[in-house]
Amino acid sequence: MKRWWRHLAVFVTTSVSIMLAAHMLKKQATSWIQRRLPEFEAISRPHLLRRESKTQRLCVFVSEFISHNYNSPSLLLVSVSVPVYPARMSDGNTFVREDPWRIFRIMAEFVDSFQTMSQVGPAVTIFGSARTKPTDKYYKAALAIAKGLAQHNLAVITGGGPGIMEASNKGAAQAGGKSVGLNIELPREQSGNRFANVPIHFHYFFARKVSFVKYSLGFVYMPGGFGTLDELFEVLTLVQTERIPQFPMILFGRSHWEGLVQWMKKELELKGGFISPGDLDLLAITDSPEEVVELIRDYERRLGTPGVLPKAFT
């Protein structure tokens, strides 16, 4: 009996202490935010704050509050939806001191993107060069592929930029489908296209990469540069190591991709033994937009949308 009363007393005391501490923290935070709000409106950031999500705005205030009250250097959590690039840090120690608070900005990107992407439904990601012109045959092919996918109720995901990404978003939008653009602002060439009806803006490449893979049941690779190759080998590694299911991975443009595939067959499989026999069978190569759509639809008919979260994301 005495032990029961002792546990109850500890519980009540602890609960009251937590409530009082929370009340004091809330009061202090409210007072601080009220004092600082005029400063936010006065400085050159009001247009950023108005374009940020609630999650991102909360992260700004949390970071500023912690910095103010616990003598930690402030980390400016600028909006991920506008092209703002942080100044280079001249003091190496500054980066180390600020780095722990960057988690708030990272968290905001994951929360916002996951919340939006989870409502998109079955989707296919199309990768390709940002430099492809509308007159190029691959631009027109990407347009046709995206239209075909959207007509079969498959959302189309791209990097949200120009070139192949614009063509894919345009095709999906014209077919009345969901056209997702995961845009990231870069110093050169990347700017959001106007055909993405589900636009999401990123600051961090790794957060953007997760959204490409986590919500797709197929991947189409049009001709592209380092970014396209990066996404190709990343997804290929995840499939080969069984971290994600064996989704369709389609290389579009036989003349563009065959040289790379032949080199991998010769140097990586036969000569070096760096990959296993059959690993390259994970890739399909075609020149037909209709075949791309049919390969993905066949996978969806046979296996459906993944009901279990892949190992890579658990």
C-alpha atoms as a PDB file:
ATOM      1  CA  MET A   1       0.000   0.000   0.000  1.00  0.00           C
ATOM      2  CA  LYS A   2       2.771   2.406   0.915  1.00  0.00           C
ATOM      3  CA  ARG A   3       4.603   1.574  -2.317  1.00  0.00           C
ATOM      4  CA  TRP A   4       1.461   2.392  -4.321  1.00  0.00           C
ATOM      5  CA  TRP A   5       1.139   5.796  -2.645  1.00  0.00           C
ATOM      6  CA  ARG A   6       4.817   6.456  -3.196  1.00  0.00           C
ATOM      7  CA  HIS A   7       4.499   5.782  -6.961  1.00  0.00           C
ATOM      8  CA  LEU A   8       1.413   7.991  -7.114  1.00  0.00           C
ATOM      9  CA  ALA A   9       3.209  10.836  -5.359  1.00  0.00           C
ATOM     10  CA  VAL A  10       6.159  10.581  -7.773  1.00  0.00           C
ATOM     11  CA  PHE A  11       3.808  10.529 -10.747  1.00  0.00           C
ATOM     12  CA  VAL A  12       1.834  13.578  -9.571  1.00  0.00           C
ATOM     13  CA  THR A  13       4.974  15.527  -8.709  1.00  0.00           C
ATOM     14  CA  THR A  14       6.579  14.732 -12.066  1.00  0.00           C
ATOM     15  CA  SER A  15       3.407  15.597 -14.011  1.00  0.00           C
ATOM     16  CA  VAL A  16       3.013  18.944 -12.254  1.00  0.00           C
ATOM     17  CA  SER A  17       6.676  19.773 -12.849  1.00  0.00           C
ATOM     18  CA  ILE A  18       6.385  18.985 -16.562  1.00  0.00           C
ATOM     19  CA  MET A  19       3.206  21.051 -16.889  1.00  0.00           C
ATOM     20  CA  LEU A  20       4.771  24.018 -15.125  1.00  0.00           C
ATOM     21  CA  ALA A  21       7.919  23.783 -17.266  1.00  0.00           C
ATOM     22  CA  ALA A  22       5.830  23.547 -20.462  1.00  0.00           C
ATOM     23  CA  HIS A  23       3.737  26.527 -19.388  1.00  0.00           C
ATOM     24  CA  MET A  24       6.815  28.616 -18.649  1.00  0.00           C
ATOM     25  CA  LEU A  25       8.444  27.638 -21.948  1.00  0.00           C
ATOM     26  CA  LYS A  26       5.261  28.442 -23.867  1.00  0.00           C
ATOM     27  CA  LYS A  27       4.959  31.811 -22.146  1.00  0.00           C
ATOM     28  CA  GLN A  28       8.599  32.630 -22.830  1.00  0.00           C
ATOM     29  CA  ALA A  29       8.326  31.513 -26.468  1.00  0.00           C
ATOM     30  CA  THR A  30       5.124  33.496 -27.029  1.00  0.00           C
ATOM     31  CA  SER A  31       6.663  36.637 -25.550  1.00  0.00           C
ATOM     32  CA  TRP A  32       9.804  36.240 -27.633  1.00  0.00           C
ATOM     33  CA  ILE A  33       7.900  35.632 -30.881  1.00  0.00           C
ATOM     34  CA  GLN A  34       5.683  38.673 -30.287  1.00  0.00           C
ATOM     35  CA  ARG A  35       8.770  40.823 -29.783  1.00  0.00           C
ATOM     36  CA  ARG A  36      10.460  39.471 -32.907  1.00  0.00           C
ATOM     37  CA  LEU A  37       7.525  39.495 -35.345  1.00  0.00           C
ATOM     38  CA  PRO A  38       7.978  43.192 -36.258  1.00  0.00           C
ATOM     39  CA  GLU A  39      11.601  42.425 -37.082  1.00  0.00           C
ATOM     40  CA  PHE A  40      10.587  39.622 -39.422  1.00  0.00           C
ATOM     41  CA  GLU A  41       8.226  41.991 -41.217  1.00  0.00           C
ATOM     42  CA  ALA A  42      10.814  44.774 -41.350  1.00  0.00           C
ATOM     43  CA  ILE A  43      13.718  42.823 -42.794  1.00  0.00           C
ATOM     44  CA  SER A  44      13.996  41.424 -46.291  1.00  0.00           C
ATOM     45  CA  ARG A  45      12.364  38.101 -45.481  1.00  0.00           C
ATOM     46  CA  PRO A  46       8.595  38.759 -45.383  1.00  0.00           C
ATOM     47  CA  HIS A  47       8.101  37.499 -48.937  1.00  0.00           C
ATOM     48  CA  LEU A  48       9.907  34.304 -47.971  1.00  0.00           C
ATOM     49  CA  LEU A  49       7.790  33.723 -44.882  1.00  0.00           C
ATOM     50  CA  ARG A  50       4.562  34.187 -46.785  1.00  0.00           C
ATOM     51  CA  ARG A  51       5.609  31.516 -49.288  1.00  0.00           C
ATOM     52  CA  GLU A  52       6.716  28.981 -46.712  1.00  0.00           C
ATOM     53  CA  SER A  53       4.534  26.185 -45.415  1.00  0.00           C
ATOM     54  CA  LYS A  54       3.390  26.138 -41.803  1.00  0.00           C
ATOM     55  CA  THR A  55       5.971  23.460 -41.054  1.00  0.00           C
ATOM     56  CA  GLN A  56       8.836  25.466 -42.538  1.00  0.00           C
ATOM     57  CA  ARG A  57       7.714  28.656 -40.769  1.00  0.00           C
ATOM     58  CA  LEU A  58       7.558  26.806 -37.465  1.00  0.00           C
ATOM     59  CA  CYS A  59      11.107  25.565 -38.024  1.00  0.00           C
ATOM     60  CA  VAL A  60      12.274  29.145 -38.588  1.00  0.00           C
ATOM     61  CA  PHE A  61      10.824  30.267 -35.274  1.00  0.00           C
ATOM     62  CA  VAL A  62      12.101  27.203 -33.389  1.00  0.00           C
ATOM     63  CA  SER A  63      15.624  27.716 -34.704  1.00  0.00           C
ATOM     64  CA  GLU A  64      15.599  31.446 -33.918  1.00  0.00           C
ATOM     65  CA  PHE A  65      14.112  30.814 -30.461  1.00  0.00           C
ATOM     66  CA  ILE A  66      16.731  28.223 -29.538  1.00  0.00           C
ATOM     67  CA  SER A  67      19.520  30.439 -30.818  1.00  0.00           C
ATOM     68  CA  HIS A  68      18.239  33.444 -28.837  1.00  0.00           C
ATOM     69  CA  ASN A  69      17.600  31.681 -25.537  1.00  0.00           C
ATOM     70  CA  TYR A  70      20.434  29.167 -25.445  1.00  0.00           C
ATOM     71  CA  ASN A  71      23.269  31.264 -26.887  1.00  0.00           C
ATOM     72  CA  SER A  72      23.557  29.122 -30.019  1.00  0.00           C
ATOM     73  CA  PRO A  73      24.320  30.826 -33.317  1.00  0.00           C
ATOM     74  CA  SER A  74      21.268  31.438 -35.407  1.00  0.00           C
ATOM     75  CA  LEU A  75      20.691  29.347 -38.503  1.00  0.00           C
ATOM     76  CA  LEU A  76      18.696  31.092 -41.180  1.00  0.00           C
ATOM     77  CA  LEU A  77      16.146  28.561 -42.393  1.00  0.00           C
ATOM     78  CA  VAL A  78      15.282  30.180 -45.677  1.00  0.00           C
ATOM     79  CA  SER A  79      12.360  29.021 -47.757  1.00  0.00           C
ATOM     80  CA  VAL A  80      12.901  25.994 -49.958  1.00  0.00           C
ATOM     81  CA  SER A  81      10.460  27.431 -52.472  1.00  0.00           C
ATOM     82  CA  VAL A  82      12.591  30.334 -53.669  1.00  0.00           C
ATOM     83  CA  PRO A  83      16.104  30.467 -55.141  1.00  0.00           C
ATOM     84  CA  VAL A  84      18.074  31.518 -52.075  1.00  0.00           C
ATOM     85  CA  TYR A  85      21.653  30.332 -51.700  1.00  0.00           C
ATOM     86  CA  PRO A  86      23.448  30.674 -48.359  1.00  0.00           C
ATOM     87  CA  ALA A  87      26.660  32.658 -48.315  1.00  0.00           C
ATOM     88  CA  ARG A  88      29.895  30.721 -48.097  1.00  0.00           C
ATOM     89  CA  MET A  89      31.053  30.306 -44.502  1.00  0.00           C
ATOM     90  CA  SER A  90      34.518  31.685 -43.997  1.00  0.00           C
ATOM     91  CA  ASP A  91      34.881  30.231 -40.521  1.00  0.00           C
ATOM     92  CA  GLY A  92      34.967  26.428 -40.505  1.00  0.00           C
ATOM     93  CA  ASN A  93      33.958  26.310 -36.840  1.00  0.00           C
ATOM     94  CA  THR A  94      30.789  28.286 -37.628  1.00  0.00           C
ATOM     95  CA  PHE A  95      29.500  25.450 -39.756  1.00  0.00           C
ATOM     96  CA  VAL A  96      30.140  22.925 -36.990  1.00  0.00           C
ATOM     97  CA  ARG A  97      28.321  25.086 -34.439  1.00  0.00           C
ATOM     98  CA  GLU A  98      25.340  25.670 -36.697  1.00  0.00           C
ATOM     99  CA  ASP A  99      25.007  22.175 -38.145  1.00  0.00           C
ATOM    100  CA  PRO A 100      22.896  20.569 -35.373  1.00  0.00           C
ATOM    101  CA  TRP A 101      20.101  23.102 -35.925  1.00  0.00           C
ATOM    102  CA  ARG A 102      19.950  22.296 -39.647  1.00  0.00           C
ATOM    103  CA  ILE A 103      17.909  19.244 -38.695  1.00  0.00           C
ATOM    104  CA  PHE A 104      14.827  21.484 -38.431  1.00  0.00           C
ATOM    105  CA  ARG A 105      15.094  22.493 -42.072  1.00  0.00           C
ATOM    106  CA  ILE A 106      15.710  18.896 -43.150  1.00  0.00           C
ATOM    107  CA  MET A 107      12.730  17.732 -41.111  1.00  0.00           C
ATOM    108  CA  ALA A 108      10.492  20.351 -42.722  1.00  0.00           C
ATOM    109  CA  GLU A 109      11.365  19.130 -46.216  1.00  0.00           C
ATOM    110  CA  PHE A 110      10.626  15.510 -45.367  1.00  0.00           C
ATOM    111  CA  VAL A 111       7.365  16.320 -43.575  1.00  0.00           C
ATOM    112  CA  ASP A 112       6.025  18.542 -46.363  1.00  0.00           C
ATOM    113  CA  SER A 113       7.068  16.258 -49.226  1.00  0.00           C
ATOM    114  CA  PHE A 114       5.838  13.062 -47.537  1.00  0.00           C
ATOM    115  CA  GLN A 115       2.503  14.673 -46.702  1.00  0.00           C
ATOM    116  CA  THR A 116       1.961  15.729 -50.323  1.00  0.00           C
ATOM    117  CA  MET A 117       3.401  12.680 -52.075  1.00  0.00           C
ATOM    118  CA  SER A 118       1.432  10.204 -49.961  1.00  0.00           C
ATOM    119  CA  GLN A 119      -1.739  11.539 -51.626  1.00  0.00           C
ATOM    120  CA  VAL A 120      -0.501  11.205 -55.210  1.00  0.00           C
ATOM    121  CA  GLY A 121      -1.207   7.494 -55.764  1.00  0.00           C
ATOM    122  CA  PRO A 122       0.589   5.111 -58.159  1.00  0.00           C
ATOM    123  CA  ALA A 123       3.310   7.029 -59.973  1.00  0.00           C
ATOM    124  CA  VAL A 124       6.192   6.689 -62.411  1.00  0.00           C
ATOM    125  CA  THR A 125       9.322   8.834 -62.339  1.00  0.00           C
ATOM    126  CA  ILE A 126      10.825  10.080 -65.605  1.00  0.00           C
ATOM    127  CA  PHE A 127      14.435  11.299 -65.562  1.00  0.00           C
ATOM    128  CA  GLY A 128      16.299  13.133 -68.301  1.00  0.00           C
ATOM    129  CA  SER A 129      18.292  16.167 -69.313  1.00  0.00           C
ATOM    130  CA  ALA A 130      17.240  19.702 -68.413  1.00  0.00           C
ATOM    131  CA  ARG A 131      18.892  20.895 -71.649  1.00  0.00           C
ATOM    132  CA  THR A 132      16.720  19.007 -74.136  1.00  0.00           C
ATOM    133  CA  LYS A 133      14.919  21.396 -76.520  1.00  0.00           C
ATOM    134  CA  PRO A 134      11.213  21.123 -77.461  1.00  0.00           C
ATOM    135  CA  THR A 135      12.232  20.304 -81.028  1.00  0.00           C
ATOM    136  CA  ASP A 136      14.300  17.292 -79.932  1.00  0.00           C
ATOM    137  CA  LYS A 137      12.939  13.794 -80.629  1.00  0.00           C
ATOM    138  CA  TYR A 138      13.461  12.791 -77.006  1.00  0.00           C
ATOM    139  CA  TYR A 139      11.403  15.765 -75.772  1.00  0.00           C
ATOM    140  CA  LYS A 140       8.529  14.601 -77.979  1.00  0.00           C
ATOM    141  CA  ALA A 141       8.980  11.003 -76.812  1.00  0.00           C
ATOM    142  CA  ALA A 142       8.868  12.042 -73.146  1.00  0.00           C
ATOM    143  CA  LEU A 143       5.688  13.989 -73.879  1.00  0.00           C
ATOM    144  CA  ALA A 144       4.087  10.889 -75.423  1.00  0.00           C
ATOM    145  CA  ILE A 145       5.222   8.592 -72.595  1.00  0.00           C
ATOM    146  CA  ALA A 146       3.821  10.895 -69.916  1.00  0.00           C
ATOM    147  CA  LYS A 147       0.509  11.208 -71.753  1.00  0.00           C
ATOM    148  CA  GLY A 148       0.235   7.436 -72.032  1.00  0.00           C
ATOM    149  CA  LEU A 149       0.948   6.934 -68.334  1.00  0.00           C
ATOM    150  CA  ALA A 150      -1.514   9.638 -67.250  1.00  0.00           C
ATOM    151  CA  GLN A 151      -4.241   8.145 -69.457  1.00  0.00           C
ATOM    152  CA  HIS A 152      -3.919   4.953 -67.399  1.00  0.00           C
ATOM    153  CA  ASN A 153      -4.225   6.808 -64.072  1.00  0.00           C
ATOM    154  CA  LEU A 154      -0.523   6.828 -63.294  1.00  0.00           C
ATOM    155  CA  ALA A 155       0.932  10.036 -61.900  1.00  0.00           C
ATOM    156  CA  VAL A 156       4.142  11.318 -63.485  1.00  0.00           C
ATOM    157  CA  ILE A 157       7.004  12.506 -61.291  1.00  0.00           C
ATOM    158  CA  THR A 158       9.906  14.572 -62.587  1.00  0.00           C
ATOM    159  CA  GLY A 159      12.588  16.871 -61.251  1.00  0.00           C
ATOM    160  CA  GLY A 160      10.302  19.805 -62.062  1.00  0.00           C
ATOM    161  CA  GLY A 161      12.775  21.597 -64.326  1.00  0.00           C
ATOM    162  CA  PRO A 162      13.035  22.285 -68.069  1.00  0.00           C
ATOM    163  CA  GLY A 163      13.903  19.906 -70.903  1.00  0.00           C
ATOM    164  CA  ILE A 164      12.774  16.297 -70.493  1.00  0.00           C
ATOM    165  CA  MET A 165      11.223  17.173 -67.139  1.00  0.00           C
ATOM    166  CA  GLU A 166       9.092  19.879 -68.713  1.00  0.00           C
ATOM    167  CA  ALA A 167       8.007  17.544 -71.515  1.00  0.00           C
ATOM    168  CA  SER A 168       6.968  14.856 -69.041  1.00  0.00           C
ATOM    169  CA  ASN A 169       5.045  17.256 -66.805  1.00  0.00           C
ATOM    170  CA  LYS A 170       3.412  18.780 -69.852  1.00  0.00           C
ATOM    171  CA  GLY A 171       2.299  15.408 -71.207  1.00  0.00           C
ATOM    172  CA  ALA A 172       0.788  14.333 -67.901  1.00  0.00           C
ATOM    173  CA  ALA A 173      -0.996  17.664 -67.424  1.00  0.00           C
ATOM    174  CA  GLN A 174      -2.398  17.648 -70.972  1.00  0.00           C
ATOM    175  CA  ALA A 175      -3.817  14.174 -70.381  1.00  0.00           C
ATOM    176  CA  GLY A 176      -5.551  15.385 -67.226  1.00  0.00           C
ATOM    177  CA  GLY A 177      -3.272  13.436 -64.881  1.00  0.00           C
ATOM    178  CA  LYS A 178      -1.230  14.273 -61.829  1.00  0.00           C
ATOM    179  CA  SER A 179       1.963  16.014 -62.874  1.00  0.00           C
ATOM    180  CA  VAL A 180       4.435  16.136 -59.982  1.00  0.00           C
ATOM    181  CA  GLY A 181       7.499  18.383 -60.109  1.00  0.00           C
ATOM    182  CA  LEU A 182      10.140  17.920 -57.410  1.00  0.00           C
ATOM    183  CA  ASN A 183      12.062  21.067 -58.171  1.00  0.00           C
ATOM    184  CA  ILE A 184      15.380  22.134 -56.700  1.00  0.00           C
ATOM    185  CA  GLU A 185      16.826  25.546 -57.396  1.00  0.00           C
ATOM    186  CA  LEU A 186      20.317  25.442 -58.888  1.00  0.00           C
ATOM    187  CA  PRO A 187      22.701  28.269 -59.826  1.00  0.00           C
ATOM    188  CA  ARG A 188      22.456  27.225 -63.491  1.00  0.00           C
ATOM    189  CA  GLU A 189      19.860  25.717 -65.856  1.00  0.00           C
ATOM    190  CA  GLN A 190      17.262  24.532 -63.297  1.00  0.00           C
ATOM    191  CA  SER A 191      14.056  26.493 -62.962  1.00  0.00           C
ATOM    192  CA  GLY A 192      10.574  25.220 -62.291  1.00  0.00           C
ATOM    193  CA  ASN A 193       8.351  24.492 -65.293  1.00  0.00           C
ATOM    194  CA  ARG A 194       4.727  25.637 -65.367  1.00  0.00           C
ATOM    195  CA  PHE A 195       3.225  22.236 -66.190  1.00  0.00           C
ATOM    196  CA  ALA A 196       3.633  20.626 -62.770  1.00  0.00           C
ATOM    197  CA  ASN A 197       0.220  20.718 -61.086  1.00  0.00           C
ATOM    198  CA  VAL A 198       1.721  19.192 -57.911  1.00  0.00           C
ATOM    199  CA  PRO A 199       4.887  21.272 -57.377  1.00  0.00           C
ATOM    200  CA  ILE A 200       7.196  20.610 -54.430  1.00  0.00           C
ATOM    201  CA  HIS A 201      10.346  22.639 -53.818  1.00  0.00           C
ATOM    202  CA  PHE A 202      13.519  21.290 -52.234  1.00  0.00           C
ATOM    203  CA  HIS A 203      16.746  22.686 -50.865  1.00  0.00           C
ATOM    204  CA  TYR A 204      18.428  19.342 -50.174  1.00  0.00           C
ATOM    205  CA  PHE A 205      19.202  16.827 -52.914  1.00  0.00           C
ATOM    206  CA  PHE A 206      18.948  13.838 -50.594  1.00  0.00           C
ATOM    207  CA  ALA A 207      15.405  14.705 -49.470  1.00  0.00           C
ATOM    208  CA  ARG A 208      14.394  15.092 -53.107  1.00  0.00           C
ATOM    209  CA  LYS A 209      15.959  11.749 -54.027  1.00  0.00           C
ATOM    210  CA  VAL A 210      13.911   9.954 -51.380  1.00  0.00           C
ATOM    211  CA  SER A 211      10.676  11.313 -52.855  1.00  0.00           C
ATOM    212  CA  PHE A 212      11.652  10.167 -56.350  1.00  0.00           C
ATOM    213  CA  VAL A 213      12.105   6.571 -55.257  1.00  0.00           C
ATOM    214  CA  LYS A 214       9.704   6.147 -52.331  1.00  0.00           C
ATOM    215  CA  TYR A 215       6.551   6.924 -54.319  1.00  0.00           C
ATOM    216  CA  SER A 216       7.307   5.314 -57.710  1.00  0.00           C
ATOM    217  CA  LEU A 217       6.523   1.886 -59.136  1.00  0.00           C
ATOM    218  CA  GLY A 218       8.591   2.399 -62.270  1.00  0.00           C
ATOM    219  CA  PHE A 219      11.443   4.505 -63.623  1.00  0.00           C
ATOM    220  CA  VAL A 220      12.068   5.818 -67.139  1.00  0.00           C
ATOM    221  CA  TYR A 221      15.495   7.157 -68.087  1.00  0.00           C
ATOM    222  CA  MET A 222      15.647   9.451 -71.084  1.00  0.00           C
ATOM    223  CA  PRO A 223      19.042  10.665 -72.344  1.00  0.00           C
ATOM    224  CA  GLY A 224      20.651  12.963 -69.799  1.00  0.00           C
ATOM    225  CA  GLY A 225      23.818  13.989 -68.008  1.00  0.00           C
ATOM    226  CA  PHE A 226      25.343  13.395 -64.596  1.00  0.00           C
ATOM    227  CA  GLY A 227      22.049  13.865 -62.757  1.00  0.00           C
ATOM    228  CA  THR A 228      20.297  11.220 -64.859  1.00  0.00           C
ATOM    229  CA  LEU A 229      23.212   8.799 -64.442  1.00  0.00           C
ATOM    230  CA  ASP A 230      23.228   9.470 -60.713  1.00  0.00           C
ATOM    231  CA  GLU A 231      19.554   8.526 -60.409  1.00  0.00           C
ATOM    232  CA  LEU A 232      20.019   5.503 -62.688  1.00  0.00           C
ATOM    233  CA  PHE A 233      22.808   3.927 -60.655  1.00  0.00           C
ATOM    234  CA  GLU A 234      21.239   4.821 -57.318  1.00  0.00           C
ATOM    235  CA  VAL A 235      17.952   3.077 -58.148  1.00  0.00           C
ATOM    236  CA  LEU A 236      19.788   0.213 -59.853  1.00  0.00           C
ATOM    237  CA  THR A 237      21.801  -0.337 -56.660  1.00  0.00           C
ATOM    238  CA  LEU A 238      18.653  -0.297 -54.498  1.00  0.00           C
ATOM    239  CA  VAL A 239      16.969  -2.874 -56.739  1.00  0.00           C
ATOM    240  CA  GLN A 240      20.083  -5.073 -57.060  1.00  0.00           C
ATOM    241  CA  THR A 241      20.569  -5.138 -53.289  1.00  0.00           C
ATOM    242  CA  GLU A 242      16.826  -5.805 -52.781  1.00  0.00           C
ATOM    243  CA  ARG A 243      16.309  -2.644 -50.760  1.00  0.00           C
ATOM    244  CA  ILE A 244      13.357  -1.834 -53.022  1.00  0.00           C
ATOM    245  CA  PRO A 245      11.263  -4.185 -55.229  1.00  0.00           C
ATOM    246  CA  GLN A 246      12.327  -5.007 -58.775  1.00  0.00           C
ATOM    247  CA  PHE A 247      10.473  -2.121 -60.328  1.00  0.00           C
ATOM    248  CA  PRO A 248      10.664  -1.597 -64.115  1.00  0.00           C
ATOM    249  CA  MET A 249      13.776   0.394 -65.051  1.00  0.00           C
ATOM    250  CA  ILE A 250      13.514   1.466 -68.664  1.00  0.00           C
ATOM    251  CA  LEU A 251      16.276   3.122 -70.691  1.00  0.00           C
ATOM    252  CA  PHE A 252      14.707   5.063 -73.539  1.00  0.00           C
ATOM    253  CA  GLY A 253      16.859   5.630 -76.618  1.00  0.00           C
ATOM    254  CA  ARG A 254      18.753   2.556 -77.736  1.00  0.00           C
ATOM    255  CA  SER A 255      21.476   4.467 -79.571  1.00  0.00           C
ATOM    256  CA  HIS A 256      22.135   6.568 -76.453  1.00  0.00           C
ATOM    257  CA  TRP A 257      22.237   3.783 -73.846  1.00  0.00           C
ATOM    258  CA  GLU A 258      23.563   0.696 -75.649  1.00  0.00           C
ATOM    259  CA  GLY A 259      27.201   1.781 -75.449  1.00  0.00           C
ATOM    260  CA  LEU A 260      26.992   2.124 -71.654  1.00  0.00           C
ATOM    261  CA  VAL A 261      25.218  -1.210 -71.247  1.00  0.00           C
ATOM    262  CA  GLN A 262      27.785  -2.987 -73.443  1.00  0.00           C
ATOM    263  CA  TRP A 263      30.627  -1.441 -71.426  1.00  0.00           C
ATOM    264  CA  MET A 264      29.054  -2.598 -68.158  1.00  0.00           C
ATOM    265  CA  LYS A 265      28.591  -6.091 -69.599  1.00  0.00           C
ATOM    266  CA  LYS A 266      32.205  -6.317 -70.718  1.00  0.00           C
ATOM    267  CA  GLU A 267      34.062  -4.491 -67.956  1.00  0.00           C
ATOM    268  CA  LEU A 268      31.892  -4.972 -64.883  1.00  0.00           C
ATOM    269  CA  GLU A 269      30.426  -8.443 -65.433  1.00  0.00           C
ATOM    270  CA  LEU A 270      32.651 -10.499 -67.738  1.00  0.00           C
ATOM    271  CA  LYS A 271      36.093  -9.004 -67.181  1.00  0.00           C
ATOM    272  CA  GLY A 272      35.994  -7.658 -63.640  1.00  0.00           C
ATOM    273  CA  GLY A 273      33.317  -9.780 -62.025  1.00  0.00           C
ATOM    274  CA  PHE A 274      32.135  -6.690 -60.181  1.00  0.00           C
ATOM    275  CA  ILE A 275      28.455  -7.421 -60.851  1.00  0.00           C
ATOM    276  CA  SER A 276      26.637 -10.737 -61.026  1.00  0.00           C
ATOM    277  CA  PRO A 277      25.348 -12.403 -64.204  1.00  0.00           C
ATOM    278  CA  GLY A 278      21.799 -11.220 -64.724  1.00  0.00           C
ATOM    279  CA  ASP A 279      22.210  -7.877 -62.965  1.00  0.00           C
ATOM    280  CA  LEU A 280      21.968  -6.039 -66.269  1.00  0.00           C
ATOM    281  CA  ASP A 281      18.694  -7.821 -66.976  1.00  0.00           C
ATOM    282  CA  LEU A 282      17.177  -5.395 -64.479  1.00  0.00           C
ATOM    283  CA  LEU A 283      17.336  -2.817 -67.287  1.00  0.00           C
ATOM    284  CA  ALA A 284      15.084  -2.714 -70.340  1.00  0.00           C
ATOM    285  CA  ILE A 285      15.999  -0.701 -73.454  1.00  0.00           C
ATOM    286  CA  THR A 286      13.482   0.568 -75.976  1.00  0.00           C
ATOM    287  CA  ASP A 287      12.758   3.249 -78.576  1.00  0.00           C
ATOM    288  CA  SER A 288       8.987   2.946 -78.308  1.00  0.00           C
ATOM    289  CA  PRO A 289       6.880   5.171 -76.013  1.00  0.00           C
ATOM    290  CA  GLU A 290       4.072   2.633 -76.258  1.00  0.00           C
ATOM    291  CA  GLU A 291       6.370  -0.151 -75.033  1.00  0.00           C
ATOM    292  CA  VAL A 292       7.408   1.955 -72.046  1.00  0.00           C
ATOM    293  CA  VAL A 293       3.784   2.400 -70.998  1.00  0.00           C
ATOM    294  CA  GLU A 294       3.001  -1.279 -71.565  1.00  0.00           C
ATOM    295  CA  LEU A 295       5.995  -2.497 -69.542  1.00  0.00           C
ATOM    296  CA  ILE A 296       4.910  -0.413 -66.572  1.00  0.00           C
ATOM    297  CA  ARG A 297       1.248  -1.357 -66.909  1.00  0.00           C
ATOM    298  CA  ASP A 298       2.205  -5.021 -67.104  1.00  0.00           C
ATOM    299  CA  TYR A 299       4.129  -4.695 -63.842  1.00  0.00           C
ATOM    300  CA  GLU A 300       1.191  -2.928 -62.206  1.00  0.00           C
ATOM    301  CA  ARG A 301      -1.257  -5.603 -63.393  1.00  0.00           C
ATOM    302  CA  ARG A 302       0.942  -8.454 -62.141  1.00  0.00           C
ATOM    303  CA  LEU A 303       2.121  -7.042 -58.811  1.00  0.00           C
ATOM    304  CA  GLY A 304       0.058  -3.929 -58.175  1.00  0.00           C
ATOM    305  CA  THR A 305       1.082  -0.976 -56.042  1.00  0.00           C
ATOM    306  CA  PRO A 306       3.490  -2.037 -53.279  1.00  0.00           C
ATOM    307  CA  GLY A 307       1.507  -2.636 -50.097  1.00  0.00           C
ATOM    308  CA  VAL A 308       4.566  -2.968 -47.903  1.00  0.00           C
ATOM    309  CA  LEU A 309       7.085  -0.192 -47.379  1.00  0.00           C
ATOM    310  CA  PRO A 310      10.413  -1.167 -49.042  1.00  0.00           C
ATOM    311  CA  LYS A 311      13.351  -1.967 -46.773  1.00  0.00           C
ATOM    312  CA  ALA A 312      15.142   1.180 -47.910  1.00  0.00           C
ATOM    313  CA  PHE A 313      12.492   3.334 -46.168  1.00  0.00           C
ATOM    314  CA  THR A 314      11.664   1.324 -43.041  1.00  0.00           C
END
